[in-house]
Amino acid sequence: MEKLIIENRTELLMADVIYLVARVISGGKISKTSKGKQYCFCTTFSNGIVIYADKNKLSDKLIISEDKGGEKSE
């Protein structure tokens, strides 16, 4: 049995997040770690959305966030 946790840290609707997550999943588990293979560590999209992947013994986790483009505060 597989378990996938999706953590949406954006204002995107979950339907839009699921579409992006499906694109990451369709790429397969391509990153190698000491925990085994997992989804791509970091996937960026042209709209500024970034998906980070993590893995533990029981599940994979995808964290969806927005790339702020290195904004600097003065």
N, C-alpha and C. Protein backbone atom coordinates (compact mmCIF):
# COMPACT_ATOMS: atom_id res chain seq x y z
N MET A 1 0.84 -1.17 0.00
CA MET A 1 0.00 0.00 0.00
C MET A 1 0.89 1.24 0.00
N GLU A 2 0.49 2.23 -0.78
CA GLU A 2 1.23 3.49 -0.83
C GLU A 2 0.40 4.60 -0.21
N LYS A 3 1.10 5.58 0.37
CA LYS A 3 0.43 6.73 0.96
C LYS A 3 1.13 7.98 0.45
N LEU A 4 0.34 8.98 0.02
CA LEU A 4 0.87 10.24 -0.48
C LEU A 4 0.22 11.38 0.29
N ILE A 5 1.05 12.23 0.87
CA ILE A 5 0.57 13.41 1.59
C ILE A 5 0.82 14.62 0.69
N ILE A 6 -0.21 15.44 0.51
CA ILE A 6 -0.09 16.66 -0.30
C ILE A 6 -0.33 17.85 0.63
N GLU A 7 0.67 18.70 0.73
CA GLU A 7 0.57 19.89 1.58
C GLU A 7 0.58 21.12 0.69
N ASN A 8 -0.56 21.79 0.60
CA ASN A 8 -0.72 22.96 -0.26
C ASN A 8 -0.45 24.23 0.54
N ARG A 9 0.68 24.87 0.27
CA ARG A 9 1.05 26.12 0.96
C ARG A 9 0.81 27.33 0.06
N THR A 10 -0.11 27.19 -0.89
CA THR A 10 -0.42 28.27 -1.82
C THR A 10 -1.90 28.63 -1.72
N GLU A 11 -2.29 29.58 -2.54
CA GLU A 11 -3.69 29.97 -2.63
C GLU A 11 -4.40 29.20 -3.75
N LEU A 12 -3.68 28.30 -4.42
CA LEU A 12 -4.27 27.54 -5.52
C LEU A 12 -5.40 26.64 -5.01
N LEU A 13 -6.39 26.45 -5.87
CA LEU A 13 -7.45 25.50 -5.56
C LEU A 13 -6.85 24.10 -5.58
N MET A 14 -7.40 23.22 -4.77
CA MET A 14 -6.87 21.87 -4.70
C MET A 14 -6.96 21.16 -6.06
N ALA A 15 -7.96 21.47 -6.86
CA ALA A 15 -8.06 20.86 -8.19
C ALA A 15 -6.84 21.22 -9.04
N ASP A 16 -6.36 22.46 -8.94
CA ASP A 16 -5.18 22.87 -9.68
C ASP A 16 -3.92 22.20 -9.12
N VAL A 17 -3.86 22.06 -7.81
CA VAL A 17 -2.73 21.40 -7.16
C VAL A 17 -2.66 19.94 -7.59
N ILE A 18 -3.80 19.28 -7.62
CA ILE A 18 -3.84 17.86 -8.02
C ILE A 18 -3.31 17.70 -9.44
N TYR A 19 -3.64 18.62 -10.33
CA TYR A 19 -3.15 18.57 -11.71
C TYR A 19 -1.61 18.62 -11.72
N LEU A 20 -1.02 19.53 -10.95
CA LEU A 20 0.44 19.66 -10.91
C LEU A 20 1.08 18.44 -10.24
N VAL A 21 0.46 17.97 -9.18
CA VAL A 21 0.96 16.77 -8.49
C VAL A 21 0.95 15.57 -9.44
N ALA A 22 -0.09 15.46 -10.24
CA ALA A 22 -0.18 14.35 -11.19
C ALA A 22 0.98 14.40 -12.19
N ARG A 23 1.40 15.59 -12.56
CA ARG A 23 2.54 15.71 -13.48
C ARG A 23 3.82 15.22 -12.81
N VAL A 24 4.00 15.53 -11.54
CA VAL A 24 5.19 15.04 -10.81
C VAL A 24 5.14 13.53 -10.68
N ILE A 25 3.99 13.01 -10.30
CA ILE A 25 3.84 11.56 -10.11
C ILE A 25 4.07 10.82 -11.43
N SER A 26 3.59 11.39 -12.52
CA SER A 26 3.74 10.70 -13.81
C SER A 26 5.21 10.58 -14.22
N GLY A 27 6.07 11.45 -13.66
CA GLY A 27 7.50 11.36 -13.92
C GLY A 27 8.15 10.19 -13.21
N GLY A 28 7.45 9.64 -12.24
CA GLY A 28 7.95 8.48 -11.50
C GLY A 28 8.90 8.87 -10.38
N LYS A 29 9.33 7.87 -9.66
CA LYS A 29 10.27 8.06 -8.55
C LYS A 29 11.68 8.01 -9.12
N ILE A 30 12.26 9.18 -9.31
CA ILE A 30 13.53 9.28 -10.03
C ILE A 30 14.70 9.72 -9.15
N SER A 31 14.42 10.24 -7.97
CA SER A 31 15.49 10.71 -7.08
C SER A 31 15.86 9.60 -6.10
N LYS A 32 17.16 9.34 -5.98
CA LYS A 32 17.63 8.28 -5.09
C LYS A 32 18.06 8.87 -3.76
N THR A 33 17.62 8.25 -2.67
CA THR A 33 18.01 8.67 -1.33
C THR A 33 18.36 7.44 -0.51
N SER A 34 18.82 7.67 0.70
CA SER A 34 19.09 6.55 1.60
C SER A 34 17.80 5.84 2.00
N LYS A 35 16.66 6.52 1.80
CA LYS A 35 15.35 5.94 2.12
C LYS A 35 14.76 5.18 0.93
N GLY A 36 15.47 5.19 -0.18
CA GLY A 36 14.96 4.56 -1.39
C GLY A 36 14.63 5.62 -2.43
N LYS A 37 14.01 5.20 -3.51
CA LYS A 37 13.65 6.14 -4.57
C LYS A 37 12.44 6.96 -4.13
N GLN A 38 12.42 8.21 -4.61
CA GLN A 38 11.29 9.08 -4.33
C GLN A 38 11.04 9.96 -5.55
N TYR A 39 9.94 10.70 -5.49
CA TYR A 39 9.62 11.63 -6.57
C TYR A 39 10.70 12.71 -6.62
N CYS A 40 10.80 13.39 -7.75
CA CYS A 40 11.81 14.41 -7.97
C CYS A 40 11.88 15.37 -6.78
N PHE A 41 13.09 15.59 -6.27
CA PHE A 41 13.28 16.44 -5.08
C PHE A 41 12.59 17.79 -5.22
N CYS A 42 12.74 18.42 -6.38
CA CYS A 42 12.19 19.76 -6.58
C CYS A 42 11.77 19.91 -8.04
N THR A 43 10.50 20.21 -8.25
CA THR A 43 9.97 20.42 -9.59
C THR A 43 9.43 21.85 -9.65
N THR A 44 9.89 22.61 -10.64
CA THR A 44 9.41 23.99 -10.79
C THR A 44 8.57 24.11 -12.05
N PHE A 45 7.56 24.95 -11.97
CA PHE A 45 6.67 25.19 -13.10
C PHE A 45 6.80 26.66 -13.52
N SER A 46 6.49 26.93 -14.78
CA SER A 46 6.67 28.29 -15.32
C SER A 46 5.78 29.33 -14.64
N ASN A 47 4.74 28.90 -13.96
CA ASN A 47 3.86 29.84 -13.26
C ASN A 47 4.36 30.18 -11.85
N GLY A 48 5.57 29.72 -11.51
CA GLY A 48 6.16 30.05 -10.21
C GLY A 48 5.86 29.05 -9.10
N ILE A 49 5.12 28.02 -9.41
CA ILE A 49 4.82 26.99 -8.41
C ILE A 49 5.98 26.01 -8.34
N VAL A 50 6.32 25.62 -7.11
CA VAL A 50 7.41 24.67 -6.87
C VAL A 50 6.83 23.52 -6.04
N ILE A 51 7.20 22.30 -6.42
CA ILE A 51 6.78 21.13 -5.64
C ILE A 51 8.03 20.44 -5.12
N TYR A 52 8.11 20.34 -3.81
CA TYR A 52 9.22 19.66 -3.13
C TYR A 52 8.74 18.28 -2.69
N ALA A 53 9.60 17.28 -2.83
CA ALA A 53 9.24 15.92 -2.44
C ALA A 53 10.07 15.48 -1.23
N ASP A 54 9.42 14.72 -0.36
CA ASP A 54 10.09 14.14 0.79
C ASP A 54 9.55 12.71 0.94
N LYS A 55 10.27 11.91 1.68
CA LYS A 55 9.88 10.51 1.86
C LYS A 55 10.27 10.08 3.26
N ASN A 56 9.39 9.29 3.88
CA ASN A 56 9.75 8.59 5.11
C ASN A 56 9.38 7.13 4.96
N LYS A 57 9.44 6.37 6.02
CA LYS A 57 9.19 4.93 5.93
C LYS A 57 7.80 4.59 5.42
N LEU A 58 6.82 5.41 5.79
CA LEU A 58 5.43 5.06 5.51
C LEU A 58 4.79 5.81 4.35
N SER A 59 5.37 6.94 3.93
CA SER A 59 4.67 7.73 2.92
C SER A 59 5.62 8.64 2.14
N ASP A 60 5.09 9.12 1.02
CA ASP A 60 5.73 10.19 0.27
C ASP A 60 4.96 11.46 0.58
N LYS A 61 5.65 12.59 0.54
CA LYS A 61 5.02 13.87 0.82
C LYS A 61 5.42 14.86 -0.26
N LEU A 62 4.44 15.57 -0.81
CA LEU A 62 4.69 16.61 -1.79
C LEU A 62 4.21 17.93 -1.19
N ILE A 63 5.12 18.91 -1.16
CA ILE A 63 4.82 20.22 -0.61
C ILE A 63 4.77 21.21 -1.76
N ILE A 64 3.62 21.88 -1.91
CA ILE A 64 3.41 22.81 -3.00
C ILE A 64 3.55 24.22 -2.45
N SER A 65 4.45 25.01 -3.06
CA SER A 65 4.65 26.39 -2.62
C SER A 65 4.89 27.28 -3.84
N GLU A 66 5.01 28.57 -3.58
CA GLU A 66 5.25 29.52 -4.65
C GLU A 66 6.67 30.04 -4.55
N ASP A 67 7.34 30.13 -5.70
CA ASP A 67 8.68 30.70 -5.75
C ASP A 67 8.53 32.21 -5.75
N LYS A 68 9.07 32.85 -4.75
CA LYS A 68 8.96 34.29 -4.62
C LYS A 68 10.00 35.02 -5.46
N GLY A 69 10.81 34.29 -6.19
CA GLY A 69 11.78 34.90 -7.08
C GLY A 69 12.90 35.66 -6.39
N GLY A 70 13.23 35.27 -5.19
CA GLY A 70 14.34 35.91 -4.47
C GLY A 70 14.05 37.35 -4.09
N GLU A 71 12.79 37.65 -3.75
CA GLU A 71 12.44 39.01 -3.36
C GLU A 71 13.27 39.45 -2.17
N LYS A 72 13.73 40.69 -2.22
CA LYS A 72 14.53 41.25 -1.13
C LYS A 72 13.72 42.33 -0.42
N SER A 73 13.83 42.37 0.87
CA SER A 73 13.17 43.43 1.62
C SER A 73 14.22 44.43 2.08
N GLU A 74 13.86 45.68 2.04
CA GLU A 74 14.80 46.74 2.45
C GLU A 74 14.26 47.50 3.63
